[in-house]
Amino acid sequence: MTAQADVIDAPRYRHLNQEERMELCRFIRRYVPIANDTKNAFRKFARWQISLLLWRWTADAYCRHEGVIRPDAIKYDVEMLPATKNARELRKKSIRGLRHEHTVPRIALAQRIIDSDLCVDGIYALLTRHCRAVIVTLEEDQILSKHGKKSMGGEWEWETGCPYARYKSAGLLEVLDWNGSRHDCPDDAACRKA
């Protein structure tokens, strides 16, 4: 089998690797001083760019066939991202009625990065722990919105809080399909008490 055949036989996409995610963190870091500068006319633009780059963290993937990062390549890919059982069923028919939802709202993540003035490594650590996506139905997204659309709500803390806390309080943690594996909460103890 040739190297070209290996590429064709491999799955088309793979998640972004550490080097690619670090590059996203470097992009984000460039916008933080601008977002923090109350006199800079581009501060809102910088905040918007940070939020968009958080989207790239969860929805983009490396295309093995083209050798490039493809925007939104896995946005609704229930084989590569956790999804609720209802979303997985709906995806068999269409992407209509689905939502690529961030376990910790992007606005909260962006605000944390900006307020904390994190370095590149700090951004990477924060995003590795908290920037995760789950594919849900629009109805499930509405339920989640009641448990925090722009924040995690309640007594949730960045250092110890489970990124899936809103799912647990919304009653959706138990209906997540983790693609055959146990859920990937970085801290099971925090998740259980969420």
C-alpha atoms as a PDB file:
ATOM      1  CA  MET A   1       0.000   0.000   0.000  1.00  0.00           C
ATOM      2  CA  THR A   2       1.393   3.422  -0.931  1.00  0.00           C
ATOM      3  CA  ALA A   3       1.497   6.518   1.233  1.00  0.00           C
ATOM      4  CA  GLN A   4      -1.202   8.049  -1.007  1.00  0.00           C
ATOM      5  CA  ALA A   5      -3.438   5.018  -0.429  1.00  0.00           C
ATOM      6  CA  ASP A   6      -2.908   5.408   3.325  1.00  0.00           C
ATOM      7  CA  VAL A   7      -4.218   8.975   3.117  1.00  0.00           C
ATOM      8  CA  ILE A   8      -7.270   7.924   1.126  1.00  0.00           C
ATOM      9  CA  ASP A   9      -8.032   5.008   3.461  1.00  0.00           C
ATOM     10  CA  ALA A  10      -7.738   7.176   6.570  1.00  0.00           C
ATOM     11  CA  PRO A  11     -10.770   9.116   7.739  1.00  0.00           C
ATOM     12  CA  ARG A  12     -11.098  12.364   5.780  1.00  0.00           C
ATOM     13  CA  TYR A  13     -10.810  14.635   8.834  1.00  0.00           C
ATOM     14  CA  ARG A  14      -9.003  14.630  12.130  1.00  0.00           C
ATOM     15  CA  HIS A  15      -9.355  16.928  15.113  1.00  0.00           C
ATOM     16  CA  LEU A  16      -6.909  19.797  15.313  1.00  0.00           C
ATOM     17  CA  ASN A  17      -3.666  18.695  16.928  1.00  0.00           C
ATOM     18  CA  GLN A  18      -1.756  20.481  19.678  1.00  0.00           C
ATOM     19  CA  GLU A  19       0.394  22.511  17.277  1.00  0.00           C
ATOM     20  CA  GLU A  20      -2.652  23.706  15.317  1.00  0.00           C
ATOM     21  CA  ARG A  21      -4.525  24.574  18.511  1.00  0.00           C
ATOM     22  CA  MET A  22      -1.492  26.464  19.824  1.00  0.00           C
ATOM     23  CA  GLU A  23      -1.580  28.502  16.611  1.00  0.00           C
ATOM     24  CA  LEU A  24      -5.203  29.400  17.354  1.00  0.00           C
ATOM     25  CA  CYS A  25      -4.110  30.462  20.851  1.00  0.00           C
ATOM     26  CA  ARG A  26      -1.416  32.701  19.354  1.00  0.00           C
ATOM     27  CA  PHE A  27      -4.062  34.316  17.115  1.00  0.00           C
ATOM     28  CA  ILE A  28      -6.313  34.842  20.152  1.00  0.00           C
ATOM     29  CA  ARG A  29      -3.470  36.295  22.206  1.00  0.00           C
ATOM     30  CA  ARG A  30      -2.798  38.937  19.533  1.00  0.00           C
ATOM     31  CA  TYR A  31      -6.323  40.305  20.008  1.00  0.00           C
ATOM     32  CA  VAL A  32      -6.343  40.405  23.840  1.00  0.00           C
ATOM     33  CA  PRO A  33      -4.499  43.750  24.294  1.00  0.00           C
ATOM     34  CA  ILE A  34      -6.788  45.368  21.723  1.00  0.00           C
ATOM     35  CA  ALA A  35      -9.897  43.938  23.411  1.00  0.00           C
ATOM     36  CA  ASN A  36      -8.657  45.324  26.748  1.00  0.00           C
ATOM     37  CA  ASP A  37      -7.864  48.812  25.411  1.00  0.00           C
ATOM     38  CA  THR A  38     -10.928  50.965  26.129  1.00  0.00           C
ATOM     39  CA  LYS A  39      -9.544  53.684  23.834  1.00  0.00           C
ATOM     40  CA  ASN A  40      -9.011  51.385  20.870  1.00  0.00           C
ATOM     41  CA  ALA A  41     -11.732  51.709  18.239  1.00  0.00           C
ATOM     42  CA  PHE A  42     -11.153  48.048  17.316  1.00  0.00           C
ATOM     43  CA  ARG A  43     -11.848  46.620  20.817  1.00  0.00           C
ATOM     44  CA  LYS A  44     -15.289  45.218  19.872  1.00  0.00           C
ATOM     45  CA  PHE A  45     -13.826  43.768  16.685  1.00  0.00           C
ATOM     46  CA  ALA A  46     -11.066  42.105  18.754  1.00  0.00           C
ATOM     47  CA  ARG A  47     -13.628  40.550  21.135  1.00  0.00           C
ATOM     48  CA  TRP A  48     -15.601  39.278  18.140  1.00  0.00           C
ATOM     49  CA  GLN A  49     -12.464  37.755  16.607  1.00  0.00           C
ATOM     50  CA  ILE A  50     -11.600  35.994  19.864  1.00  0.00           C
ATOM     51  CA  SER A  51     -15.103  34.518  19.961  1.00  0.00           C
ATOM     52  CA  LEU A  52     -14.798  33.359  16.342  1.00  0.00           C
ATOM     53  CA  LEU A  53     -11.451  31.727  17.035  1.00  0.00           C
ATOM     54  CA  LEU A  54     -13.071  29.780  19.877  1.00  0.00           C
ATOM     55  CA  TRP A  55     -15.508  28.462  17.268  1.00  0.00           C
ATOM     56  CA  ARG A  56     -12.555  27.312  15.162  1.00  0.00           C
ATOM     57  CA  TRP A  57     -11.282  25.287  18.157  1.00  0.00           C
ATOM     58  CA  THR A  58     -14.372  23.034  18.106  1.00  0.00           C
ATOM     59  CA  ALA A  59     -15.772  23.094  14.551  1.00  0.00           C
ATOM     60  CA  ASP A  60     -12.702  23.001  12.308  1.00  0.00           C
ATOM     61  CA  ALA A  61     -10.643  19.964  11.395  1.00  0.00           C
ATOM     62  CA  TYR A  62      -7.592  19.023   9.369  1.00  0.00           C
ATOM     63  CA  CYS A  63      -8.503  17.558   5.974  1.00  0.00           C
ATOM     64  CA  ARG A  64      -6.087  14.736   5.199  1.00  0.00           C
ATOM     65  CA  HIS A  65      -6.953  14.767   1.483  1.00  0.00           C
ATOM     66  CA  GLU A  66      -6.228  18.478   0.993  1.00  0.00           C
ATOM     67  CA  GLY A  67      -3.617  19.033   3.700  1.00  0.00           C
ATOM     68  CA  VAL A  68      -5.435  22.106   5.085  1.00  0.00           C
ATOM     69  CA  ILE A  69      -7.603  23.124   8.017  1.00  0.00           C
ATOM     70  CA  ARG A  70     -11.234  23.141   6.843  1.00  0.00           C
ATOM     71  CA  PRO A  71     -13.599  25.610   8.564  1.00  0.00           C
ATOM     72  CA  ASP A  72     -16.681  23.951  10.061  1.00  0.00           C
ATOM     73  CA  ALA A  73     -15.552  20.537   8.783  1.00  0.00           C
ATOM     74  CA  ILE A  74     -16.875  18.702  11.852  1.00  0.00           C
ATOM     75  CA  LYS A  75     -19.475  21.219  12.991  1.00  0.00           C
ATOM     76  CA  TYR A  76     -22.280  18.622  12.826  1.00  0.00           C
ATOM     77  CA  ASP A  77     -20.206  15.445  12.648  1.00  0.00           C
ATOM     78  CA  VAL A  78     -21.745  13.112  15.230  1.00  0.00           C
ATOM     79  CA  GLU A  79     -18.941  10.609  14.654  1.00  0.00           C
ATOM     80  CA  MET A  80     -16.288  13.098  15.778  1.00  0.00           C
ATOM     81  CA  LEU A  81     -18.143  15.105  18.426  1.00  0.00           C
ATOM     82  CA  PRO A  82     -20.332  14.093  21.335  1.00  0.00           C
ATOM     83  CA  ALA A  83     -24.023  14.444  20.548  1.00  0.00           C
ATOM     84  CA  THR A  84     -27.289  13.865  22.313  1.00  0.00           C
ATOM     85  CA  LYS A  85     -29.180  10.768  21.251  1.00  0.00           C
ATOM     86  CA  ASN A  86     -31.888  12.937  19.650  1.00  0.00           C
ATOM     87  CA  ALA A  87     -29.286  14.921  17.695  1.00  0.00           C
ATOM     88  CA  ARG A  88     -27.629  11.710  16.504  1.00  0.00           C
ATOM     89  CA  GLU A  89     -30.970  10.424  15.209  1.00  0.00           C
ATOM     90  CA  LEU A  90     -31.838  13.721  13.528  1.00  0.00           C
ATOM     91  CA  ARG A  91     -28.390  13.868  11.873  1.00  0.00           C
ATOM     92  CA  LYS A  92     -29.197  10.688   9.939  1.00  0.00           C
ATOM     93  CA  LYS A  93     -31.689  12.796   7.957  1.00  0.00           C
ATOM     94  CA  SER A  94     -30.313  16.327   7.913  1.00  0.00           C
ATOM     95  CA  ILE A  95     -28.382  19.005   9.783  1.00  0.00           C
ATOM     96  CA  ARG A  96     -31.549  21.087   9.994  1.00  0.00           C
ATOM     97  CA  GLY A  97     -32.686  21.372  13.560  1.00  0.00           C
ATOM     98  CA  LEU A  98     -29.187  20.818  14.992  1.00  0.00           C
ATOM     99  CA  ARG A  99     -26.954  23.153  16.951  1.00  0.00           C
ATOM    100  CA  HIS A 100     -23.200  22.988  17.522  1.00  0.00           C
ATOM    101  CA  GLU A 101     -23.282  24.048  21.166  1.00  0.00           C
ATOM    102  CA  HIS A 102     -20.362  24.988  23.386  1.00  0.00           C
ATOM    103  CA  THR A 103     -20.437  23.396  26.817  1.00  0.00           C
ATOM    104  CA  VAL A 104     -19.054  26.595  28.320  1.00  0.00           C
ATOM    105  CA  PRO A 105     -20.526  29.530  26.358  1.00  0.00           C
ATOM    106  CA  ARG A 106     -18.025  31.158  24.016  1.00  0.00           C
ATOM    107  CA  ILE A 107     -18.867  34.590  25.378  1.00  0.00           C
ATOM    108  CA  ALA A 108     -17.860  33.419  28.870  1.00  0.00           C
ATOM    109  CA  LEU A 109     -14.636  31.867  27.563  1.00  0.00           C
ATOM    110  CA  ALA A 110     -13.737  34.997  25.595  1.00  0.00           C
ATOM    111  CA  GLN A 111     -14.438  37.210  28.612  1.00  0.00           C
ATOM    112  CA  ARG A 112     -12.273  34.993  30.828  1.00  0.00           C
ATOM    113  CA  ILE A 113      -9.370  35.173  28.354  1.00  0.00           C
ATOM    114  CA  ILE A 114      -9.669  38.950  28.037  1.00  0.00           C
ATOM    115  CA  ASP A 115     -10.174  39.696  31.742  1.00  0.00           C
ATOM    116  CA  SER A 116      -7.356  37.375  32.831  1.00  0.00           C
ATOM    117  CA  ASP A 117      -4.971  38.631  30.127  1.00  0.00           C
ATOM    118  CA  LEU A 118      -3.796  35.035  29.703  1.00  0.00           C
ATOM    119  CA  CYS A 119      -0.564  34.133  27.927  1.00  0.00           C
ATOM    120  CA  VAL A 120      -0.642  31.680  25.017  1.00  0.00           C
ATOM    121  CA  ASP A 121      -0.022  28.667  27.281  1.00  0.00           C
ATOM    122  CA  GLY A 122      -2.719  29.876  29.685  1.00  0.00           C
ATOM    123  CA  ILE A 123      -5.195  30.229  26.822  1.00  0.00           C
ATOM    124  CA  TYR A 124      -4.323  26.728  25.642  1.00  0.00           C
ATOM    125  CA  ALA A 125      -4.852  25.257  29.126  1.00  0.00           C
ATOM    126  CA  LEU A 126      -8.191  27.055  29.529  1.00  0.00           C
ATOM    127  CA  LEU A 127      -9.472  25.976  26.118  1.00  0.00           C
ATOM    128  CA  THR A 128      -8.268  22.394  26.486  1.00  0.00           C
ATOM    129  CA  ARG A 129     -10.312  22.114  29.665  1.00  0.00           C
ATOM    130  CA  HIS A 130     -13.367  24.192  28.812  1.00  0.00           C
ATOM    131  CA  CYS A 131     -13.756  24.765  25.046  1.00  0.00           C
ATOM    132  CA  ARG A 132     -15.806  21.732  24.046  1.00  0.00           C
ATOM    133  CA  ALA A 133     -18.732  21.251  21.731  1.00  0.00           C
ATOM    134  CA  VAL A 134     -21.742  18.969  21.752  1.00  0.00           C
ATOM    135  CA  ILE A 135     -24.246  18.563  18.951  1.00  0.00           C
ATOM    136  CA  VAL A 136     -27.769  19.065  20.257  1.00  0.00           C
ATOM    137  CA  THR A 137     -31.232  19.608  18.777  1.00  0.00           C
ATOM    138  CA  LEU A 138     -32.692  23.117  18.711  1.00  0.00           C
ATOM    139  CA  GLU A 139     -35.138  22.068  21.429  1.00  0.00           C
ATOM    140  CA  GLU A 140     -32.279  20.874  23.635  1.00  0.00           C
ATOM    141  CA  ASP A 141     -30.432  24.121  22.952  1.00  0.00           C
ATOM    142  CA  GLN A 142     -33.441  26.047  24.294  1.00  0.00           C
ATOM    143  CA  ILE A 143     -33.380  23.918  27.456  1.00  0.00           C
ATOM    144  CA  LEU A 144     -29.644  24.606  27.872  1.00  0.00           C
ATOM    145  CA  SER A 145     -30.209  28.340  27.388  1.00  0.00           C
ATOM    146  CA  LYS A 146     -32.343  28.334  30.532  1.00  0.00           C
ATOM    147  CA  HIS A 147     -29.288  27.051  32.410  1.00  0.00           C
ATOM    148  CA  GLY A 148     -26.945  29.770  31.148  1.00  0.00           C
ATOM    149  CA  LYS A 149     -26.655  31.252  27.669  1.00  0.00           C
ATOM    150  CA  LYS A 150     -23.809  33.639  28.414  1.00  0.00           C
ATOM    151  CA  SER A 151     -22.371  32.163  31.590  1.00  0.00           C
ATOM    152  CA  MET A 152     -22.218  28.932  33.535  1.00  0.00           C
ATOM    153  CA  GLY A 153     -24.403  30.395  36.273  1.00  0.00           C
ATOM    154  CA  GLY A 154     -24.636  29.481  39.917  1.00  0.00           C
ATOM    155  CA  GLU A 155     -21.520  28.791  41.895  1.00  0.00           C
ATOM    156  CA  TRP A 156     -19.566  27.340  38.976  1.00  0.00           C
ATOM    157  CA  GLU A 157     -15.818  28.080  39.141  1.00  0.00           C
ATOM    158  CA  TRP A 158     -13.236  28.095  36.348  1.00  0.00           C
ATOM    159  CA  GLU A 159     -10.605  26.157  38.261  1.00  0.00           C
ATOM    160  CA  THR A 160     -12.822  23.336  39.503  1.00  0.00           C
ATOM    161  CA  GLY A 161     -16.036  23.471  37.497  1.00  0.00           C
ATOM    162  CA  CYS A 162     -17.039  20.759  35.063  1.00  0.00           C
ATOM    163  CA  PRO A 163     -17.524  22.039  31.491  1.00  0.00           C
ATOM    164  CA  TYR A 164     -20.666  19.871  31.288  1.00  0.00           C
ATOM    165  CA  ALA A 165     -22.339  21.401  34.380  1.00  0.00           C
ATOM    166  CA  ARG A 166     -25.108  23.080  32.333  1.00  0.00           C
ATOM    167  CA  TYR A 167     -25.865  19.732  30.686  1.00  0.00           C
ATOM    168  CA  LYS A 168     -26.162  18.069  34.055  1.00  0.00           C
ATOM    169  CA  SER A 169     -28.469  20.768  35.472  1.00  0.00           C
ATOM    170  CA  ALA A 170     -30.562  20.664  32.258  1.00  0.00           C
ATOM    171  CA  GLY A 171     -30.913  16.872  32.506  1.00  0.00           C
ATOM    172  CA  LEU A 172     -28.975  16.309  29.280  1.00  0.00           C
ATOM    173  CA  LEU A 173     -25.738  14.797  30.584  1.00  0.00           C
ATOM    174  CA  GLU A 174     -27.290  11.337  30.746  1.00  0.00           C
ATOM    175  CA  VAL A 175     -28.538  11.468  27.139  1.00  0.00           C
ATOM    176  CA  LEU A 176     -25.179  12.355  25.624  1.00  0.00           C
ATOM    177  CA  ASP A 177     -23.647   9.790  23.324  1.00  0.00           C
ATOM    178  CA  TRP A 178     -19.879   9.900  23.670  1.00  0.00           C
ATOM    179  CA  ASN A 179     -19.203   7.838  20.530  1.00  0.00           C
ATOM    180  CA  GLY A 180     -18.842   4.615  22.442  1.00  0.00           C
ATOM    181  CA  SER A 181     -16.613   5.920  25.194  1.00  0.00           C
ATOM    182  CA  ARG A 182     -17.202   7.309  28.658  1.00  0.00           C
ATOM    183  CA  HIS A 183     -17.701  11.040  28.737  1.00  0.00           C
ATOM    184  CA  ASP A 184     -14.542  13.088  28.555  1.00  0.00           C
ATOM    185  CA  CYS A 185     -14.989  15.459  31.471  1.00  0.00           C
ATOM    186  CA  PRO A 186     -11.497  16.522  32.567  1.00  0.00           C
ATOM    187  CA  ASP A 187     -12.517  16.148  36.192  1.00  0.00           C
ATOM    188  CA  ASP A 188     -15.110  13.461  36.859  1.00  0.00           C
ATOM    189  CA  ALA A 189     -15.376  14.421  40.548  1.00  0.00           C
ATOM    190  CA  ALA A 190     -16.304  18.021  39.655  1.00  0.00           C
ATOM    191  CA  CYS A 191     -18.767  16.761  37.072  1.00  0.00           C
ATOM    192  CA  ARG A 192     -20.494  14.404  39.510  1.00  0.00           C
ATOM    193  CA  LYS A 193     -21.088  17.191  42.015  1.00  0.00           C
ATOM    194  CA  ALA A 194     -22.107  19.764  39.372  1.00  0.00           C
END
